[in-house]
């Protein structure tokens, strides 16, 4: 049986966070978990030509394929 509070909660949207590094390397995350690594100094921030792109699940087959290729289906 469903809890009434659960009826009003938004389901999490799958995301692909891609960090493009100047040396042509790309790292992928399924959430914003990389932020803690930047703040802890584990990842170098403020590098010239670094950029972040975030893709939200738009329900397309293309997104689903990309997400599963990077993170699996689970």
N, C-alpha and C. Protein backbone atom coordinates (compact mmCIF):
# COMPACT_ATOMS: atom_id res chain seq x y z
N UNK A 1 0.84 -1.18 0.00
CA UNK A 1 0.00 0.00 0.00
C UNK A 1 0.88 1.24 0.00
N UNK A 2 0.51 2.25 -0.76
CA UNK A 2 1.29 3.46 -0.93
C UNK A 2 1.08 4.43 0.23
N UNK A 3 2.15 5.04 0.65
CA UNK A 3 2.09 6.08 1.67
C UNK A 3 1.71 7.38 0.97
N UNK A 4 0.81 8.16 1.55
CA UNK A 4 0.35 9.40 0.91
C UNK A 4 1.50 10.35 0.64
N UNK A 5 2.51 10.41 1.53
CA UNK A 5 3.65 11.29 1.31
C UNK A 5 4.39 10.91 0.03
N UNK A 6 4.51 9.61 -0.23
CA UNK A 6 5.22 9.14 -1.42
C UNK A 6 4.52 9.58 -2.70
N UNK A 7 3.22 9.80 -2.64
CA UNK A 7 2.48 10.22 -3.83
C UNK A 7 2.91 11.60 -4.31
N UNK A 8 3.49 12.42 -3.42
CA UNK A 8 3.86 13.78 -3.78
C UNK A 8 5.34 13.96 -4.02
N UNK A 9 6.13 12.91 -3.82
CA UNK A 9 7.57 12.99 -4.05
C UNK A 9 7.87 12.74 -5.52
N UNK A 10 8.77 13.56 -6.05
CA UNK A 10 9.20 13.36 -7.43
C UNK A 10 10.17 12.20 -7.48
N UNK A 11 10.03 11.39 -8.49
CA UNK A 11 11.00 10.32 -8.70
C UNK A 11 12.30 10.95 -9.18
N UNK A 12 13.44 10.41 -8.73
CA UNK A 12 14.71 10.96 -9.20
C UNK A 12 14.85 10.77 -10.71
N UNK A 13 15.40 11.77 -11.35
CA UNK A 13 15.63 11.73 -12.80
C UNK A 13 17.06 11.23 -13.04
N UNK A 14 17.20 10.25 -13.90
CA UNK A 14 18.54 9.78 -14.23
C UNK A 14 19.29 10.91 -14.93
N UNK A 15 20.58 10.97 -14.67
CA UNK A 15 21.41 12.04 -15.21
C UNK A 15 22.75 11.49 -15.65
N UNK A 16 23.34 12.16 -16.62
CA UNK A 16 24.72 11.87 -17.02
C UNK A 16 25.47 13.20 -16.89
N UNK A 17 26.45 13.23 -15.99
CA UNK A 17 27.30 14.40 -15.81
C UNK A 17 28.63 14.07 -16.48
N UNK A 18 29.02 14.89 -17.44
CA UNK A 18 30.26 14.64 -18.18
C UNK A 18 31.22 15.81 -17.95
N UNK A 19 32.40 15.50 -17.45
CA UNK A 19 33.44 16.50 -17.28
C UNK A 19 34.43 16.32 -18.41
N UNK A 20 34.60 17.37 -19.21
CA UNK A 20 35.53 17.36 -20.33
C UNK A 20 36.80 18.10 -19.89
N UNK A 21 37.90 17.36 -19.85
CA UNK A 21 39.18 17.89 -19.39
C UNK A 21 39.97 18.42 -20.58
N UNK A 22 40.85 19.39 -20.37
CA UNK A 22 41.61 19.98 -21.48
C UNK A 22 42.48 18.99 -22.24
N UNK A 23 42.94 17.92 -21.58
CA UNK A 23 43.79 16.94 -22.27
C UNK A 23 42.97 15.91 -23.04
N UNK A 24 41.71 16.26 -23.31
CA UNK A 24 40.79 15.45 -24.13
C UNK A 24 40.31 14.18 -23.43
N UNK A 25 40.32 14.18 -22.12
CA UNK A 25 39.80 13.08 -21.31
C UNK A 25 38.40 13.48 -20.87
N UNK A 26 37.52 12.49 -20.75
CA UNK A 26 36.16 12.74 -20.27
C UNK A 26 35.87 11.78 -19.13
N UNK A 27 35.30 12.30 -18.04
CA UNK A 27 34.86 11.45 -16.95
C UNK A 27 33.35 11.58 -16.82
N UNK A 28 32.71 10.49 -16.44
CA UNK A 28 31.25 10.42 -16.38
C UNK A 28 30.78 10.07 -14.97
N UNK A 29 29.70 10.71 -14.56
CA UNK A 29 29.09 10.47 -13.26
C UNK A 29 27.58 10.40 -13.44
N UNK A 30 26.93 9.59 -12.62
CA UNK A 30 25.47 9.48 -12.70
C UNK A 30 24.78 10.47 -11.76
N UNK A 31 25.58 11.27 -11.07
CA UNK A 31 25.04 12.28 -10.16
C UNK A 31 26.10 13.36 -9.98
N UNK A 32 25.84 14.29 -9.09
CA UNK A 32 26.80 15.35 -8.82
C UNK A 32 27.83 14.96 -7.77
N UNK A 33 28.10 13.68 -7.63
CA UNK A 33 29.02 13.20 -6.59
C UNK A 33 30.45 13.74 -6.75
N UNK A 34 30.81 14.17 -7.93
CA UNK A 34 32.15 14.70 -8.18
C UNK A 34 32.39 16.00 -7.42
N UNK A 35 31.34 16.69 -7.02
CA UNK A 35 31.50 17.97 -6.32
C UNK A 35 32.33 17.81 -5.05
N UNK A 36 32.06 16.76 -4.29
CA UNK A 36 32.82 16.52 -3.06
C UNK A 36 34.29 16.29 -3.36
N UNK A 37 34.60 15.62 -4.47
CA UNK A 37 36.00 15.38 -4.85
C UNK A 37 36.69 16.68 -5.23
N UNK A 38 35.99 17.58 -5.92
CA UNK A 38 36.56 18.89 -6.23
C UNK A 38 36.84 19.66 -4.94
N UNK A 39 35.87 19.69 -4.04
CA UNK A 39 36.02 20.44 -2.79
C UNK A 39 37.12 19.87 -1.90
N UNK A 40 37.31 18.55 -1.94
CA UNK A 40 38.34 17.90 -1.13
C UNK A 40 39.72 17.97 -1.78
N UNK A 41 39.80 18.53 -2.99
CA UNK A 41 41.08 18.62 -3.69
C UNK A 41 41.49 17.35 -4.39
N UNK A 42 40.59 16.36 -4.49
CA UNK A 42 40.90 15.11 -5.18
C UNK A 42 40.83 15.28 -6.69
N UNK A 43 40.06 16.24 -7.15
CA UNK A 43 39.99 16.60 -8.56
C UNK A 43 40.40 18.06 -8.69
N UNK A 44 41.17 18.36 -9.71
CA UNK A 44 41.62 19.73 -9.92
C UNK A 44 40.51 20.54 -10.56
N UNK A 45 40.16 21.62 -9.94
CA UNK A 45 39.13 22.50 -10.49
C UNK A 45 39.76 23.75 -11.09
N UNK A 46 38.98 24.52 -11.76
CA UNK A 46 39.41 25.79 -12.33
C UNK A 46 40.59 25.64 -13.28
N UNK A 47 40.54 24.59 -14.08
CA UNK A 47 41.55 24.36 -15.10
C UNK A 47 41.05 25.05 -16.38
N UNK A 48 41.91 25.80 -17.06
CA UNK A 48 41.45 26.42 -18.31
C UNK A 48 40.89 25.36 -19.27
N UNK A 49 39.79 25.66 -19.87
CA UNK A 49 39.13 24.81 -20.87
C UNK A 49 38.44 23.57 -20.31
N UNK A 50 38.29 23.45 -19.01
CA UNK A 50 37.49 22.36 -18.46
C UNK A 50 36.03 22.75 -18.61
N UNK A 51 35.18 21.76 -18.84
CA UNK A 51 33.75 22.09 -18.91
C UNK A 51 32.92 20.91 -18.43
N UNK A 52 31.72 21.23 -17.99
CA UNK A 52 30.78 20.24 -17.48
C UNK A 52 29.52 20.31 -18.32
N UNK A 53 29.02 19.15 -18.69
CA UNK A 53 27.72 19.06 -19.36
C UNK A 53 26.87 18.07 -18.58
N UNK A 54 25.63 18.43 -18.35
CA UNK A 54 24.69 17.57 -17.64
C UNK A 54 23.54 17.24 -18.58
N UNK A 55 23.29 15.96 -18.74
CA UNK A 55 22.17 15.49 -19.58
C UNK A 55 21.15 14.83 -18.67
N UNK A 56 19.91 15.28 -18.75
CA UNK A 56 18.82 14.69 -17.99
C UNK A 56 18.09 13.68 -18.85
N UNK A 57 17.58 12.65 -18.21
CA UNK A 57 16.84 11.61 -18.92
C UNK A 57 15.62 12.23 -19.59
N UNK A 58 15.61 12.19 -20.89
CA UNK A 58 14.49 12.74 -21.65
C UNK A 58 13.54 11.64 -22.15
N UNK A 59 13.78 10.42 -21.68
CA UNK A 59 12.93 9.30 -22.08
C UNK A 59 13.29 8.70 -23.42
N UNK A 60 14.33 9.21 -24.05
CA UNK A 60 14.70 8.72 -25.38
C UNK A 60 15.50 7.43 -25.30
N UNK A 61 15.46 6.68 -26.38
CA UNK A 61 16.26 5.47 -26.50
C UNK A 61 17.74 5.83 -26.47
N UNK A 62 18.11 6.95 -27.08
CA UNK A 62 19.50 7.39 -27.12
C UNK A 62 20.04 7.62 -25.71
N UNK A 63 19.27 8.32 -24.88
CA UNK A 63 19.72 8.55 -23.50
C UNK A 63 19.84 7.23 -22.76
N UNK A 64 18.84 6.38 -22.89
CA UNK A 64 18.84 5.10 -22.20
C UNK A 64 20.07 4.27 -22.58
N UNK A 65 20.39 4.22 -23.85
CA UNK A 65 21.57 3.46 -24.30
C UNK A 65 22.85 4.04 -23.71
N UNK A 66 22.97 5.36 -23.74
CA UNK A 66 24.16 6.01 -23.21
C UNK A 66 24.30 5.77 -21.72
N UNK A 67 23.20 5.89 -20.98
CA UNK A 67 23.22 5.69 -19.53
C UNK A 67 23.61 4.26 -19.19
N UNK A 68 22.99 3.30 -19.85
CA UNK A 68 23.29 1.89 -19.58
C UNK A 68 24.72 1.52 -19.97
N UNK A 69 25.24 2.12 -21.05
CA UNK A 69 26.62 1.84 -21.46
C UNK A 69 27.60 2.35 -20.41
N UNK A 70 27.28 3.48 -19.79
CA UNK A 70 28.18 4.07 -18.79
C UNK A 70 28.02 3.47 -17.40
N UNK A 71 26.79 3.24 -16.99
CA UNK A 71 26.52 2.90 -15.59
C UNK A 71 25.79 1.57 -15.38
N UNK A 72 25.44 0.89 -16.44
CA UNK A 72 24.68 -0.37 -16.32
C UNK A 72 23.19 -0.10 -16.21
N UNK A 73 22.43 -1.15 -16.15
CA UNK A 73 20.97 -1.00 -16.14
C UNK A 73 20.40 -0.95 -14.74
N UNK A 74 21.20 -1.20 -13.72
CA UNK A 74 20.72 -1.26 -12.36
C UNK A 74 20.61 0.05 -11.76
